[in-house]
């Protein structure tokens, strides 16, 4: 029994040391020296724009509530005095009050589930000056989408895509 507790304590201590080392090195185990690359700016000739609306639906999930029940338990206390044959043990009991709390399901609740997020896309021709790279879709933010939509046909556009080559 004691050996199992000792093993569990060793594993717990090892995990704590590992988590501490990861936190010191920058968090999520990634290399702190090489952050994720951000999309580079692109330019090209406007082909078309596309706005994909957000789609949601009503869904239900369990409604969870926390319930607590009060309880009492007897706690044993001992006190020892003396030594050798004159040793005396005194025992007494007290009542300890506690709360037993748990999460239980209480019916259901409705919420809006997102099936498709809202997206703004721009399709470019002659991307970065390469006449052979045509019909490339880029996902952009709403400001760049509005600028692209207001621009004339075959206008030159410059922006930083949110996600490159998504196929919108």
Protein backbone atom coordinates (compact mmCIF):
# COMPACT_ATOMS: atom_id res chain seq x y z
CA UNK A 1 0.00 0.00 0.00
CA UNK A 2 2.78 2.42 0.97
CA UNK A 3 4.72 1.54 -2.21
CA UNK A 4 1.74 2.50 -4.40
CA UNK A 5 1.43 5.86 -2.65
CA UNK A 6 5.15 6.44 -3.09
CA UNK A 7 4.91 5.67 -6.82
CA UNK A 8 1.93 8.02 -7.22
CA UNK A 9 3.79 10.79 -5.40
CA UNK A 10 6.82 10.27 -7.67
CA UNK A 11 4.72 10.47 -10.83
CA UNK A 12 2.95 13.59 -9.57
CA UNK A 13 6.25 15.26 -8.74
CA UNK A 14 7.63 14.35 -12.19
CA UNK A 15 4.63 15.87 -13.94
CA UNK A 16 4.96 19.04 -11.85
CA UNK A 17 8.64 19.39 -12.78
CA UNK A 18 7.82 18.84 -16.48
CA UNK A 19 5.04 21.45 -16.44
CA UNK A 20 7.34 23.91 -14.69
CA UNK A 21 10.02 23.37 -17.32
CA UNK A 22 7.53 23.85 -20.16
CA UNK A 23 6.22 27.06 -18.60
CA UNK A 24 9.75 28.40 -18.24
CA UNK A 25 10.56 27.60 -21.87
CA UNK A 26 7.63 29.48 -23.32
CA UNK A 27 4.47 27.60 -22.58
CA UNK A 28 2.99 25.08 -24.94
CA UNK A 29 6.07 23.06 -25.74
CA UNK A 30 6.78 24.98 -28.94
CA UNK A 31 10.14 26.47 -29.77
CA UNK A 32 10.14 30.00 -28.35
CA UNK A 33 12.76 31.13 -30.87
CA UNK A 34 10.56 30.40 -33.92
CA UNK A 35 7.06 31.87 -33.58
CA UNK A 36 4.40 30.78 -36.06
CA UNK A 37 4.84 32.61 -39.35
CA UNK A 38 2.31 35.30 -40.15
CA UNK A 39 0.95 35.50 -43.70
CA UNK A 40 2.98 37.77 -45.92
CA UNK A 41 1.38 40.60 -47.91
CA UNK A 42 0.14 39.73 -51.40
CA UNK A 43 -0.81 41.82 -54.38
CA UNK A 44 -2.61 41.05 -57.57
CA UNK A 45 -5.46 41.97 -59.86
CA UNK A 46 -9.00 41.75 -58.50
CA UNK A 47 -11.00 38.91 -60.00
CA UNK A 48 -14.02 38.58 -57.70
CA UNK A 49 -15.09 38.74 -54.04
CA UNK A 50 -17.23 36.39 -51.99
CA UNK A 51 -19.00 36.84 -48.67
CA UNK A 52 -19.98 33.62 -46.92
CA UNK A 53 -22.53 34.28 -44.20
CA UNK A 54 -22.49 32.75 -40.75
CA UNK A 55 -24.83 29.78 -40.34
CA UNK A 56 -26.22 28.76 -36.95
CA UNK A 57 -28.86 26.42 -35.64
CA UNK A 58 -30.63 25.86 -32.36
CA UNK A 59 -29.25 22.99 -30.34
CA UNK A 60 -29.76 21.57 -26.87
CA UNK A 61 -27.30 20.40 -24.25
CA UNK A 62 -27.66 19.14 -20.69
CA UNK A 63 -28.15 21.84 -18.10
CA UNK A 64 -25.77 21.16 -15.22
CA UNK A 65 -26.31 22.54 -11.73
CA UNK A 66 -24.30 22.15 -8.57
CA UNK A 67 -26.16 20.64 -5.63
CA UNK A 68 -24.81 20.35 -2.11
CA UNK A 69 -26.10 18.23 0.74
CA UNK A 70 -25.04 18.94 4.31
CA UNK A 71 -23.72 16.15 6.47
CA UNK A 72 -22.06 15.44 9.80
CA UNK A 73 -19.53 12.85 10.81
CA UNK A 74 -17.99 11.80 14.09
CA UNK A 75 -14.29 12.63 14.48
CA UNK A 76 -12.21 10.71 17.02
CA UNK A 77 -9.57 12.59 19.07
CA UNK A 78 -7.01 11.07 21.43
CA UNK A 79 -4.61 12.49 23.98
CA UNK A 80 -1.84 10.49 25.66
CA UNK A 81 -0.17 11.35 28.94
CA UNK A 82 2.39 9.64 31.14
CA UNK A 83 4.90 6.95 30.28
CA UNK A 84 5.52 3.27 30.92
CA UNK A 85 2.90 1.59 33.13
CA UNK A 86 1.47 5.01 34.07
CA UNK A 87 0.47 5.79 30.48
CA UNK A 88 -3.08 7.04 30.11
CA UNK A 89 -5.05 7.60 26.86
CA UNK A 90 -8.05 9.89 26.80
CA UNK A 91 -10.46 9.62 23.81
CA UNK A 92 -13.31 11.95 22.87
CA UNK A 93 -15.50 12.52 19.83
CA UNK A 94 -16.75 15.67 18.14
CA UNK A 95 -19.17 16.23 15.27
CA UNK A 96 -17.77 17.74 12.11
CA UNK A 97 -20.11 19.45 9.64
CA UNK A 98 -19.36 19.27 5.92
CA UNK A 99 -20.98 19.79 2.52
CA UNK A 100 -21.07 17.07 -0.12
CA UNK A 101 -21.27 18.91 -3.48
CA UNK A 102 -21.60 17.46 -6.96
CA UNK A 103 -22.73 18.51 -10.42
CA UNK A 104 -25.98 16.96 -11.59
CA UNK A 105 -28.04 17.24 -14.75
CA UNK A 106 -31.23 19.24 -14.42
CA UNK A 107 -33.06 19.25 -17.74
CA UNK A 108 -31.69 20.78 -20.93
CA UNK A 109 -30.82 24.24 -22.22
CA UNK A 110 -30.91 25.62 -25.75
CA UNK A 111 -28.11 27.56 -27.40
CA UNK A 112 -27.01 28.74 -30.86
CA UNK A 113 -24.56 26.30 -32.43
CA UNK A 114 -22.37 27.73 -35.18
CA UNK A 115 -22.30 25.46 -38.23
CA UNK A 116 -20.26 27.76 -40.47
CA UNK A 117 -18.36 30.90 -39.46
CA UNK A 118 -18.66 34.14 -41.41
CA UNK A 119 -15.90 34.57 -44.00
CA UNK A 120 -14.80 37.25 -46.45
CA UNK A 121 -12.84 36.09 -49.49
CA UNK A 122 -11.08 37.76 -52.41
CA UNK A 123 -9.95 36.00 -55.61
CA UNK A 124 -6.88 37.42 -57.34
CA UNK A 125 -5.26 37.01 -60.74
CA UNK A 126 -1.54 37.52 -61.42
CA UNK A 127 -0.68 36.98 -57.76
CA UNK A 128 2.57 38.74 -56.76
CA UNK A 129 3.19 39.67 -60.42
CA UNK A 130 3.14 36.06 -61.68
CA UNK A 131 0.76 36.02 -64.69
CA UNK A 132 0.38 32.22 -64.41
CA UNK A 133 -1.01 32.35 -60.85
CA UNK A 134 -4.67 33.08 -61.48
CA UNK A 135 -7.87 32.42 -59.55
CA UNK A 136 -6.22 32.20 -56.13
CA UNK A 137 -8.61 32.68 -53.20
CA UNK A 138 -7.54 34.52 -50.06
CA UNK A 139 -9.48 34.83 -46.85
CA UNK A 140 -9.34 38.44 -45.63
CA UNK A 141 -10.81 40.53 -42.83
CA UNK A 142 -13.90 42.63 -43.39
CA UNK A 143 -11.97 45.90 -43.94
CA UNK A 144 -9.93 44.41 -46.82
CA UNK A 145 -13.07 42.79 -48.24
CA UNK A 146 -14.91 46.14 -48.27
CA UNK A 147 -11.92 47.78 -49.97
CA UNK A 148 -11.81 45.03 -52.59
CA UNK A 149 -15.54 45.22 -53.20
CA UNK A 150 -15.39 49.00 -53.68
CA UNK A 151 -12.43 48.74 -56.09
CA UNK A 152 -13.15 48.63 -59.79
CA UNK A 153 -12.87 45.54 -62.00
CA UNK A 154 -9.28 44.41 -62.60
CA UNK A 155 -7.95 46.87 -60.01
CA UNK A 156 -4.63 46.17 -58.31
CA UNK A 157 -5.11 45.09 -54.68
CA UNK A 158 -2.60 44.84 -51.82
CA UNK A 159 -3.52 43.17 -48.51
CA UNK A 160 -2.36 40.72 -45.86
CA UNK A 161 -4.58 37.61 -45.98
CA UNK A 162 -5.96 36.07 -42.82
CA UNK A 163 -5.55 32.58 -44.28
CA UNK A 164 -3.84 32.08 -47.68
CA UNK A 165 -5.10 29.71 -50.40
CA UNK A 166 -8.26 28.57 -48.61
CA UNK A 167 -10.38 27.94 -51.66
CA UNK A 168 -13.22 29.88 -50.03
